[in-house]
């Protein structure tokens, strides 16, 4: 079967609308303004388009959460390709994980409600994905000789759990860098 240009164009529009809706929802969900009308207006689509993509608010919340986790995981190979492993780790934590933790905190109430209607364990799936990313970063640093070879990546990830307590309106970037420096001293290859 041949795909015509107009069918292909509609699919591209559908994907763009889907992503635009998710991006806007990610911005407005933490504020508590979970109105499909508001999201549609800010995304530049009709409210019917939002409902076609996400028939319920729970479906939208879960999609936003999964999108955030996916972005957090997918950036790791790029960071490792572009930077030395230590810089990749620090960039992932300060530039990506800290933002994710603040977003997750803003989504916590909506996510808790939405996850009760979702198949599987959304939080466990997200944790496994992040543990995989932490493992990739720790293993790259072990190979580079910058961290101890006996590190457990999940312990490192749990140590980063303090990011949940960052104040999005405060100096969160400096606080994140301080936490990473503290963890790095314990992770470093020359630490006892």
N, C-alpha and C. Protein backbone atom coordinates (compact mmCIF):
# COMPACT_ATOMS: atom_id res chain seq x y z
N UNK A 1 0.85 -1.18 0.00
CA UNK A 1 0.00 0.00 0.00
C UNK A 1 0.89 1.24 0.00
N UNK A 2 0.54 2.19 -0.82
CA UNK A 2 1.31 3.43 -0.92
C UNK A 2 0.74 4.48 0.01
N UNK A 3 1.63 5.20 0.63
CA UNK A 3 1.21 6.31 1.49
C UNK A 3 1.27 7.59 0.68
N UNK A 4 0.18 8.30 0.68
CA UNK A 4 0.17 9.56 -0.06
C UNK A 4 0.76 10.66 0.80
N UNK A 5 1.11 11.73 0.13
CA UNK A 5 1.69 12.86 0.85
C UNK A 5 0.76 13.42 1.90
N UNK A 6 -0.56 13.46 1.60
CA UNK A 6 -1.48 14.06 2.57
C UNK A 6 -1.63 13.19 3.81
N UNK A 7 -1.60 11.85 3.66
CA UNK A 7 -1.67 10.97 4.82
C UNK A 7 -0.43 11.14 5.68
N UNK A 8 0.72 11.19 5.03
CA UNK A 8 1.97 11.39 5.74
C UNK A 8 1.97 12.74 6.47
N UNK A 9 1.45 13.77 5.80
CA UNK A 9 1.37 15.10 6.39
C UNK A 9 0.47 15.09 7.62
N UNK A 10 -0.68 14.37 7.54
CA UNK A 10 -1.59 14.29 8.69
C UNK A 10 -0.93 13.58 9.86
N UNK A 11 -0.17 12.53 9.57
CA UNK A 11 0.53 11.82 10.65
C UNK A 11 1.55 12.73 11.31
N UNK A 12 2.26 13.49 10.51
CA UNK A 12 3.23 14.43 11.07
C UNK A 12 2.54 15.48 11.93
N UNK A 13 1.41 16.00 11.45
CA UNK A 13 0.63 16.96 12.24
C UNK A 13 0.15 16.34 13.54
N UNK A 14 -0.29 15.09 13.47
CA UNK A 14 -0.77 14.40 14.67
C UNK A 14 0.36 14.26 15.69
N UNK A 15 1.54 13.88 15.22
CA UNK A 15 2.69 13.74 16.13
C UNK A 15 3.07 15.09 16.72
N UNK A 16 3.07 16.13 15.90
CA UNK A 16 3.41 17.47 16.41
C UNK A 16 2.39 17.93 17.44
N UNK A 17 1.11 17.73 17.15
CA UNK A 17 0.07 18.11 18.11
C UNK A 17 0.22 17.35 19.41
N UNK A 18 0.48 16.06 19.30
CA UNK A 18 0.65 15.21 20.48
C UNK A 18 1.79 15.76 21.35
N UNK A 19 2.91 16.05 20.72
CA UNK A 19 4.07 16.54 21.47
C UNK A 19 3.81 17.94 22.03
N UNK A 20 3.15 18.79 21.26
CA UNK A 20 2.83 20.14 21.75
C UNK A 20 1.93 20.08 22.97
N UNK A 21 0.93 19.22 22.91
CA UNK A 21 0.01 19.06 24.05
C UNK A 21 0.78 18.59 25.28
N UNK A 22 1.64 17.61 25.10
CA UNK A 22 2.43 17.12 26.24
C UNK A 22 3.35 18.19 26.81
N UNK A 23 3.99 18.95 25.93
CA UNK A 23 4.90 20.01 26.40
C UNK A 23 4.14 21.06 27.20
N UNK A 24 3.00 21.48 26.71
CA UNK A 24 2.19 22.48 27.43
C UNK A 24 1.69 21.88 28.74
N UNK A 25 1.21 20.66 28.70
CA UNK A 25 0.70 20.02 29.92
C UNK A 25 1.80 19.90 30.96
N UNK A 26 3.02 19.60 30.54
CA UNK A 26 4.14 19.50 31.48
C UNK A 26 4.39 20.84 32.18
N UNK A 27 4.15 21.94 31.46
CA UNK A 27 4.32 23.27 32.05
C UNK A 27 3.20 23.61 33.02
N UNK A 28 1.95 23.28 32.65
CA UNK A 28 0.82 23.74 33.46
C UNK A 28 0.43 22.78 34.57
N UNK A 29 0.74 21.50 34.45
CA UNK A 29 0.35 20.55 35.49
C UNK A 29 0.89 20.90 36.87
N UNK A 30 2.16 21.24 36.99
CA UNK A 30 2.65 21.58 38.32
C UNK A 30 1.95 22.79 38.96
N UNK A 31 1.34 23.64 38.14
CA UNK A 31 0.64 24.80 38.68
C UNK A 31 -0.76 24.45 39.14
N UNK A 32 -1.20 23.23 38.81
CA UNK A 32 -2.54 22.79 39.20
C UNK A 32 -3.62 23.20 38.22
N UNK A 33 -3.24 23.84 37.14
CA UNK A 33 -4.21 24.32 36.15
C UNK A 33 -4.42 23.25 35.09
N UNK A 34 -5.15 22.21 35.45
CA UNK A 34 -5.30 21.03 34.60
C UNK A 34 -6.57 21.10 33.76
N UNK A 35 -6.77 22.18 33.08
CA UNK A 35 -7.95 22.34 32.23
C UNK A 35 -7.58 22.02 30.80
N UNK A 36 -8.35 21.13 30.17
CA UNK A 36 -8.09 20.81 28.77
C UNK A 36 -8.25 22.04 27.90
N UNK A 37 -9.17 22.94 28.25
CA UNK A 37 -9.34 24.18 27.49
C UNK A 37 -8.08 25.03 27.54
N UNK A 38 -7.50 25.15 28.73
CA UNK A 38 -6.27 25.93 28.89
C UNK A 38 -5.12 25.30 28.10
N UNK A 39 -5.00 23.99 28.23
CA UNK A 39 -3.93 23.28 27.53
C UNK A 39 -4.09 23.43 26.02
N UNK A 40 -5.32 23.27 25.53
CA UNK A 40 -5.58 23.40 24.09
C UNK A 40 -5.21 24.79 23.60
N UNK A 41 -5.62 25.80 24.34
CA UNK A 41 -5.36 27.18 23.93
C UNK A 41 -3.85 27.44 23.88
N UNK A 42 -3.13 27.03 24.93
CA UNK A 42 -1.69 27.27 24.97
C UNK A 42 -0.94 26.43 23.94
N UNK A 43 -1.48 25.26 23.58
CA UNK A 43 -0.83 24.40 22.58
C UNK A 43 -1.20 24.80 21.16
N UNK A 44 -2.19 25.68 21.02
CA UNK A 44 -2.61 26.11 19.69
C UNK A 44 -3.39 25.06 18.93
N UNK A 45 -4.15 24.25 19.68
CA UNK A 45 -4.99 23.21 19.07
C UNK A 45 -6.40 23.33 19.63
N UNK A 46 -7.33 22.67 18.99
CA UNK A 46 -8.69 22.65 19.51
C UNK A 46 -8.80 21.70 20.70
N UNK A 47 -9.77 21.94 21.55
CA UNK A 47 -9.95 21.09 22.72
C UNK A 47 -10.28 19.66 22.31
N UNK A 48 -10.97 19.50 21.17
CA UNK A 48 -11.26 18.16 20.66
C UNK A 48 -9.99 17.38 20.34
N UNK A 49 -8.97 18.09 19.87
CA UNK A 49 -7.69 17.45 19.57
C UNK A 49 -7.06 16.92 20.86
N UNK A 50 -7.15 17.69 21.92
CA UNK A 50 -6.61 17.23 23.20
C UNK A 50 -7.34 15.96 23.63
N UNK A 51 -8.66 15.98 23.55
CA UNK A 51 -9.44 14.80 23.95
C UNK A 51 -9.17 13.59 23.06
N UNK A 52 -8.92 13.82 21.77
CA UNK A 52 -8.61 12.69 20.89
C UNK A 52 -7.30 12.01 21.29
N UNK A 53 -6.34 12.81 21.70
CA UNK A 53 -5.04 12.26 22.12
C UNK A 53 -5.09 11.69 23.53
N UNK A 54 -5.84 12.37 24.40
CA UNK A 54 -5.87 12.01 25.82
C UNK A 54 -7.32 12.09 26.30
N UNK A 55 -8.04 10.98 26.30
CA UNK A 55 -9.47 11.01 26.60
C UNK A 55 -9.80 11.40 28.04
N UNK A 56 -8.82 11.28 28.95
CA UNK A 56 -9.06 11.67 30.35
C UNK A 56 -7.86 12.46 30.88
N UNK A 57 -8.09 13.16 31.96
CA UNK A 57 -6.98 13.87 32.60
C UNK A 57 -5.93 12.89 33.09
N UNK A 58 -6.37 11.75 33.61
CA UNK A 58 -5.42 10.74 34.09
C UNK A 58 -4.50 10.28 32.96
N UNK A 59 -5.07 10.07 31.77
CA UNK A 59 -4.26 9.65 30.62
C UNK A 59 -3.23 10.71 30.27
N UNK A 60 -3.60 11.97 30.37
CA UNK A 60 -2.68 13.06 30.07
C UNK A 60 -1.58 13.14 31.12
N UNK A 61 -1.94 13.05 32.39
CA UNK A 61 -0.94 13.10 33.47
C UNK A 61 0.08 11.98 33.31
N UNK A 62 -0.40 10.77 33.05
CA UNK A 62 0.52 9.64 32.88
C UNK A 62 1.41 9.82 31.66
N UNK A 63 0.86 10.36 30.59
CA UNK A 63 1.65 10.59 29.38
C UNK A 63 2.73 11.64 29.64
N UNK A 64 2.41 12.69 30.39
CA UNK A 64 3.40 13.72 30.73
C UNK A 64 4.51 13.10 31.57
N UNK A 65 4.13 12.32 32.55
CA UNK A 65 5.11 11.69 33.43
C UNK A 65 6.03 10.77 32.64
N UNK A 66 5.45 9.95 31.79
CA UNK A 66 6.26 9.02 30.99
C UNK A 66 7.18 9.78 30.03
N UNK A 67 6.69 10.89 29.50
CA UNK A 67 7.51 11.72 28.61
C UNK A 67 8.71 12.28 29.36
N UNK A 68 8.47 12.77 30.58
CA UNK A 68 9.56 13.32 31.38
C UNK A 68 10.61 12.25 31.67
N UNK A 69 10.16 11.06 32.03
CA UNK A 69 11.09 9.97 32.32
C UNK A 69 11.86 9.59 31.06
N UNK A 70 11.15 9.49 29.94
CA UNK A 70 11.80 9.13 28.67
C UNK A 70 12.90 10.14 28.32
N UNK A 71 12.62 11.42 28.45
CA UNK A 71 13.62 12.44 28.15
C UNK A 71 14.82 12.31 29.09
N UNK A 72 14.54 12.03 30.34
CA UNK A 72 15.60 11.90 31.34
C UNK A 72 16.53 10.73 31.00
N UNK A 73 15.98 9.66 30.50
CA UNK A 73 16.74 8.46 30.16
C UNK A 73 17.45 8.62 28.81
N UNK A 74 16.75 9.17 27.84
CA UNK A 74 17.31 9.26 26.48
C UNK A 74 18.48 10.23 26.37
N UNK A 75 18.61 11.15 27.29
CA UNK A 75 19.68 12.12 27.19
C UNK A 75 21.03 11.53 27.62
N UNK A 76 21.03 10.45 28.39
CA UNK A 76 22.27 9.90 28.93
C UNK A 76 23.27 9.49 27.84
N UNK A 77 22.87 8.70 26.84
CA UNK A 77 23.87 8.35 25.80
C UNK A 77 24.46 9.58 25.10
N UNK A 78 23.64 10.58 24.88
CA UNK A 78 24.13 11.82 24.24
C UNK A 78 25.17 12.51 25.14
N UNK A 79 24.86 12.59 26.43
CA UNK A 79 25.80 13.23 27.36
C UNK A 79 27.12 12.47 27.41
N UNK A 80 27.04 11.14 27.43
CA UNK A 80 28.27 10.33 27.48
C UNK A 80 29.07 10.45 26.18
N UNK A 81 28.38 10.68 25.09
CA UNK A 81 29.08 10.84 23.82
C UNK A 81 29.74 12.22 23.72
N UNK A 82 29.10 13.24 24.30
CA UNK A 82 29.59 14.61 24.17
C UNK A 82 30.60 15.02 25.24
N UNK A 83 30.57 14.34 26.40
CA UNK A 83 31.37 14.80 27.55
C UNK A 83 32.17 13.66 28.17
N UNK A 84 33.17 14.04 28.93
CA UNK A 84 33.88 13.09 29.78
C UNK A 84 32.84 12.53 30.77
N UNK A 85 32.98 11.28 31.19
CA UNK A 85 31.96 10.68 32.06
C UNK A 85 31.62 11.49 33.32
N UNK A 86 32.62 12.11 33.96
CA UNK A 86 32.30 12.90 35.16
C UNK A 86 31.41 14.08 34.79
N UNK A 87 31.75 14.78 33.72
CA UNK A 87 30.93 15.93 33.30
C UNK A 87 29.54 15.45 32.87
N UNK A 88 29.46 14.30 32.21
CA UNK A 88 28.16 13.75 31.80
C UNK A 88 27.30 13.48 33.04
N UNK A 89 27.89 12.90 34.08
CA UNK A 89 27.16 12.63 35.31
C UNK A 89 26.66 13.93 35.94
N UNK A 90 27.57 14.88 36.08
CA UNK A 90 27.20 16.16 36.72
C UNK A 90 26.13 16.89 35.89
N UNK A 91 26.26 16.88 34.58
CA UNK A 91 25.28 17.55 33.71
C UNK A 91 23.93 16.87 33.81
N UNK A 92 23.94 15.54 33.84
CA UNK A 92 22.67 14.80 33.96
C UNK A 92 21.96 15.16 35.25
N UNK A 93 22.71 15.21 36.34
CA UNK A 93 22.09 15.51 37.64
C UNK A 93 21.62 16.95 37.70
N UNK A 94 22.50 17.90 37.38
CA UNK A 94 22.14 19.31 37.55
C UNK A 94 21.21 19.82 36.47
N UNK A 95 21.39 19.36 35.24
CA UNK A 95 20.61 19.89 34.13
C UNK A 95 19.35 19.12 33.81
N UNK A 96 19.26 17.88 34.29
CA UNK A 96 18.12 17.05 33.90
C UNK A 96 17.39 16.43 35.10
N UNK A 97 18.13 15.71 35.94
CA UNK A 97 17.49 15.01 37.05
C UNK A 97 16.88 15.99 38.06
N UNK A 98 17.57 17.05 38.37
CA UNK A 98 17.04 18.03 39.34
C UNK A 98 15.74 18.65 38.82
N UNK A 99 15.70 19.00 37.56
CA UNK A 99 14.46 19.55 36.97
C UNK A 99 13.34 18.52 37.02
N UNK A 100 13.67 17.29 36.68
CA UNK A 100 12.68 16.21 36.72
C UNK A 100 12.11 16.05 38.13
N UNK A 101 12.99 16.07 39.13
CA UNK A 101 12.53 15.89 40.52
C UNK A 101 11.58 17.00 40.93
N UNK A 102 11.88 18.23 40.52
CA UNK A 102 10.98 19.34 40.87
C UNK A 102 9.65 19.21 40.14
N UNK A 103 9.70 18.79 38.87
CA UNK A 103 8.48 18.58 38.11
C UNK A 103 7.65 17.46 38.72
N UNK A 104 8.33 16.39 39.10
CA UNK A 104 7.64 15.25 39.68
C UNK A 104 6.94 15.67 40.97
N UNK A 105 7.62 16.49 41.76
CA UNK A 105 7.00 16.95 43.00
C UNK A 105 5.74 17.74 42.70
N UNK A 106 5.76 18.55 41.66
CA UNK A 106 4.59 19.32 41.27
C UNK A 106 3.48 18.44 40.73
N UNK A 107 3.84 17.29 40.18
CA UNK A 107 2.85 16.37 39.61
C UNK A 107 2.38 15.32 40.61
N UNK A 108 2.97 15.29 41.79
CA UNK A 108 2.75 14.18 42.72
C UNK A 108 1.28 13.86 42.97
N UNK A 109 0.49 14.87 43.29
CA UNK A 109 -0.92 14.62 43.57
C UNK A 109 -1.67 14.08 42.37
N UNK A 110 -1.48 14.72 41.22
CA UNK A 110 -2.16 14.28 40.00
C UNK A 110 -1.66 12.90 39.58
N UNK A 111 -0.38 12.66 39.75
CA UNK A 111 0.19 11.38 39.36
C UNK A 111 -0.32 10.25 40.25
N UNK A 112 -0.43 10.53 41.54
CA UNK A 112 -0.92 9.49 42.45
C UNK A 112 -2.34 9.07 42.06
N UNK A 113 -3.18 10.04 41.76
CA UNK A 113 -4.55 9.75 41.34
C UNK A 113 -4.56 9.00 40.01
N UNK A 114 -3.77 9.47 39.06
CA UNK A 114 -3.75 8.88 37.72
C UNK A 114 -3.17 7.47 37.72
N UNK A 115 -2.19 7.22 38.57
CA UNK A 115 -1.53 5.92 38.54
C UNK A 115 -2.42 4.80 39.08
N UNK A 116 -3.47 5.14 39.81
CA UNK A 116 -4.38 4.09 40.30
C UNK A 116 -5.20 3.49 39.17
N UNK A 117 -5.36 4.25 38.09
CA UNK A 117 -6.13 3.73 36.95
C UNK A 117 -5.24 3.19 35.84
N UNK A 118 -3.92 3.26 36.03
CA UNK A 118 -2.98 2.82 34.99
C UNK A 118 -2.60 1.36 35.19
N UNK A 119 -2.44 0.65 34.08
CA UNK A 119 -1.95 -0.72 34.21
C UNK A 119 -0.47 -0.71 34.61
N UNK A 120 -0.08 -1.63 35.46
CA UNK A 120 1.32 -1.71 35.87
C UNK A 120 1.64 -0.69 36.94
N UNK A 121 2.88 -0.66 37.33
CA UNK A 121 3.34 0.25 38.37
C UNK A 121 4.17 1.36 37.73
N UNK A 122 3.57 2.51 37.55
CA UNK A 122 4.20 3.63 36.86
C UNK A 122 5.47 4.07 37.57
N UNK A 123 5.42 4.20 38.89
CA UNK A 123 6.58 4.65 39.65
C UNK A 123 7.72 3.63 39.57
N UNK A 124 7.40 2.35 39.66
CA UNK A 124 8.44 1.31 39.57
C UNK A 124 9.08 1.31 38.19
N UNK A 125 8.28 1.49 37.15
CA UNK A 125 8.82 1.55 35.79
C UNK A 125 9.77 2.74 35.65
N UNK A 126 9.38 3.87 36.20
CA UNK A 126 10.23 5.07 36.13
C UNK A 126 11.52 4.86 36.90
N UNK A 127 11.41 4.25 38.07
CA UNK A 127 12.61 4.01 38.88
C UNK A 127 13.58 3.09 38.14
N UNK A 128 13.05 2.02 37.53
CA UNK A 128 13.92 1.11 36.78
C UNK A 128 14.62 1.84 35.63
N UNK A 129 13.89 2.70 34.95
CA UNK A 129 14.48 3.45 33.85
C UNK A 129 15.59 4.37 34.34
N UNK A 130 15.34 5.07 35.46
CA UNK A 130 16.36 5.96 36.01
C UNK A 130 17.54 5.18 36.56
N UNK A 131 17.28 4.02 37.16
CA UNK A 131 18.38 3.19 37.66
C UNK A 131 19.26 2.74 36.49
N UNK A 132 18.66 2.45 35.36
CA UNK A 132 19.44 2.10 34.17
C UNK A 132 20.33 3.25 33.73
N UNK A 133 19.81 4.46 33.78
CA UNK A 133 20.61 5.63 33.41
C UNK A 133 21.74 5.86 34.40
N UNK A 134 21.43 5.74 35.69
CA UNK A 134 22.47 5.90 36.71
C UNK A 134 23.55 4.83 36.53
N UNK A 135 23.14 3.62 36.20
CA UNK A 135 24.10 2.54 35.97
C UNK A 135 25.02 2.87 34.81
N UNK A 136 24.45 3.35 33.70
CA UNK A 136 25.27 3.71 32.54
C UNK A 136 26.29 4.78 32.89
N UNK A 137 25.87 5.78 33.66
CA UNK A 137 26.78 6.86 34.04
C UNK A 137 27.85 6.38 35.01
N UNK A 138 27.47 5.59 36.00
CA UNK A 138 28.45 5.08 36.96
C UNK A 138 29.44 4.16 36.25
N UNK A 139 28.96 3.26 35.42
CA UNK A 139 29.85 2.33 34.71
C UNK A 139 30.83 3.08 33.80
N UNK A 140 30.36 4.13 33.14
CA UNK A 140 31.26 4.93 32.30
C UNK A 140 32.35 5.58 33.15
N UNK A 141 31.98 6.04 34.33
CA UNK A 141 32.96 6.65 35.22
C UNK A 141 33.91 5.61 35.81
N UNK A 142 33.43 4.41 36.07
CA UNK A 142 34.32 3.33 36.54
C UNK A 142 35.36 3.04 35.45
N UNK A 143 34.91 2.91 34.19
CA UNK A 143 35.84 2.65 33.08
C UNK A 143 36.85 3.79 32.92
N UNK A 144 36.40 5.02 33.19
CA UNK A 144 37.30 6.18 33.06
C UNK A 144 38.22 6.31 34.27
N UNK A 145 37.96 5.53 35.32
CA UNK A 145 38.80 5.58 36.51
C UNK A 145 38.50 6.75 37.43
N UNK A 146 37.35 7.40 37.25
CA UNK A 146 37.04 8.58 38.07
C UNK A 146 36.27 8.23 39.34
N UNK A 147 35.62 7.06 39.36
CA UNK A 147 34.88 6.65 40.57
C UNK A 147 35.32 5.25 40.98
N UNK A 148 35.01 4.91 42.23
CA UNK A 148 35.35 3.59 42.77
C UNK A 148 34.61 2.50 41.99
N UNK A 149 35.25 1.37 41.82
CA UNK A 149 34.65 0.28 41.07
C UNK A 149 33.60 -0.48 41.87
N UNK A 150 33.55 -0.27 43.19
CA UNK A 150 32.59 -1.01 44.01
C UNK A 150 31.27 -0.25 44.23
N UNK A 151 31.07 0.83 43.47
CA UNK A 151 29.85 1.63 43.64
C UNK A 151 28.62 0.87 43.16
N UNK A 152 27.55 0.98 43.92
CA UNK A 152 26.26 0.45 43.51
C UNK A 152 25.47 1.62 42.91
N UNK A 153 25.15 1.57 41.61
CA UNK A 153 24.45 2.69 40.98
C UNK A 153 23.11 3.03 41.67
N UNK A 154 22.43 2.03 42.20
CA UNK A 154 21.17 2.33 42.89
C UNK A 154 21.40 3.11 44.18
N UNK A 155 22.52 2.86 44.84
CA UNK A 155 22.87 3.64 46.03
C UNK A 155 23.12 5.09 45.64
N UNK A 156 23.81 5.27 44.52
CA UNK A 156 24.06 6.63 44.02
C UNK A 156 22.73 7.31 43.72
N UNK A 157 21.82 6.59 43.07
CA UNK A 157 20.51 7.16 42.74
C UNK A 157 19.73 7.52 44.01
N UNK A 158 19.80 6.65 45.01
CA UNK A 158 19.12 6.96 46.28
C UNK A 158 19.74 8.20 46.93
N UNK A 159 21.06 8.33 46.80
CA UNK A 159 21.73 9.51 47.34
C UNK A 159 21.25 10.79 46.67
N UNK A 160 20.87 10.66 45.41
CA UNK A 160 20.36 11.82 44.68
C UNK A 160 18.90 12.11 45.01
N UNK A 161 18.27 11.26 45.80
CA UNK A 161 16.88 11.47 46.20
C UNK A 161 16.67 12.78 46.95
N UNK A 162 17.73 13.33 47.50
CA UNK A 162 17.62 14.63 48.16
C UNK A 162 17.19 15.75 47.23
N UNK A 163 17.30 15.51 45.93
CA UNK A 163 16.87 16.51 44.97
C UNK A 163 15.36 16.78 45.07
N UNK A 164 14.64 15.83 45.63
CA UNK A 164 13.19 16.01 45.80
C UNK A 164 12.86 17.18 46.72
N UNK A 165 13.82 17.59 47.53
CA UNK A 165 13.57 18.64 48.50
C UNK A 165 14.04 20.01 48.04
N UNK A 166 14.43 20.11 46.78
CA UNK A 166 14.85 21.41 46.24
C UNK A 166 13.65 22.35 46.15
N UNK A 167 13.92 23.62 46.34
CA UNK A 167 12.89 24.64 46.20
C UNK A 167 12.98 25.21 44.79
N UNK A 168 11.95 24.96 43.95
CA UNK A 168 12.02 25.47 42.57
C UNK A 168 12.13 26.98 42.49
N UNK A 169 11.74 27.68 43.55
CA UNK A 169 11.82 29.13 43.56
C UNK A 169 13.10 29.62 44.22
N UNK A 170 13.91 28.70 44.73
CA UNK A 170 15.16 29.06 45.39
C UNK A 170 16.35 28.86 44.46
N UNK A 171 17.52 28.80 45.06
CA UNK A 171 18.77 28.63 44.30
C UNK A 171 19.03 27.13 44.12
N UNK A 172 18.12 26.46 43.42
CA UNK A 172 18.18 25.01 43.29
C UNK A 172 19.40 24.53 42.53
N UNK A 173 19.88 25.32 41.58
CA UNK A 173 21.04 24.89 40.80
C UNK A 173 22.28 24.81 41.70
N UNK A 174 22.51 25.81 42.52
CA UNK A 174 23.66 25.79 43.43
C UNK A 174 23.52 24.65 44.43
N UNK A 175 22.31 24.45 44.95
CA UNK A 175 22.08 23.37 45.90
C UNK A 175 22.32 22.01 45.25
N UNK A 176 21.94 21.86 44.00
CA UNK A 176 22.16 20.61 43.28
C UNK A 176 23.66 20.38 43.09
N UNK A 177 24.38 21.42 42.71
CA UNK A 177 25.82 21.29 42.53
C UNK A 177 26.50 20.92 43.84
N UNK A 178 26.04 21.48 44.95
CA UNK A 178 26.60 21.13 46.26
C UNK A 178 26.35 19.67 46.60
N UNK A 179 25.15 19.19 46.31
CA UNK A 179 24.83 17.78 46.57
C UNK A 179 25.70 16.87 45.69
N UNK A 180 25.86 17.21 44.43
CA UNK A 180 26.70 16.41 43.54
C UNK A 180 28.14 16.41 44.02
N UNK A 181 28.65 17.56 44.46
CA UNK A 181 30.03 17.62 44.99
C UNK A 181 30.18 16.71 46.20
N UNK A 182 29.21 16.73 47.09
CA UNK A 182 29.25 15.88 48.28
C UNK A 182 29.26 14.40 47.89
N UNK A 183 28.34 14.02 47.01
CA UNK A 183 28.29 12.63 46.55
C UNK A 183 29.57 12.24 45.83
N UNK A 184 30.08 13.14 45.00
CA UNK A 184 31.26 12.82 44.20
C UNK A 184 32.47 12.53 45.10
N UNK A 185 32.59 13.26 46.21
CA UNK A 185 33.70 13.00 47.12
C UNK A 185 33.65 11.57 47.65
N UNK A 186 32.44 11.06 47.90
CA UNK A 186 32.31 9.68 48.35
C UNK A 186 32.45 8.67 47.23
N UNK A 187 32.17 9.08 46.01
CA UNK A 187 32.23 8.18 44.85
C UNK A 187 33.61 8.12 44.23
N UNK A 188 34.41 9.17 44.43
CA UNK A 188 35.67 9.32 43.70
C UNK A 188 36.59 8.13 43.89
N UNK A 189 37.36 7.84 42.85
CA UNK A 189 38.25 6.68 42.86
C UNK A 189 39.28 6.78 43.98
N UNK A 190 39.66 7.99 44.37
CA UNK A 190 40.67 8.12 45.43
C UNK A 190 40.07 8.26 46.82
N UNK A 191 38.74 8.09 46.96
CA UNK A 191 38.14 8.17 48.29
C UNK A 191 38.30 6.82 48.99
N UNK A 192 38.33 6.82 50.33
CA UNK A 192 38.55 5.58 51.08
C UNK A 192 37.40 4.61 50.92
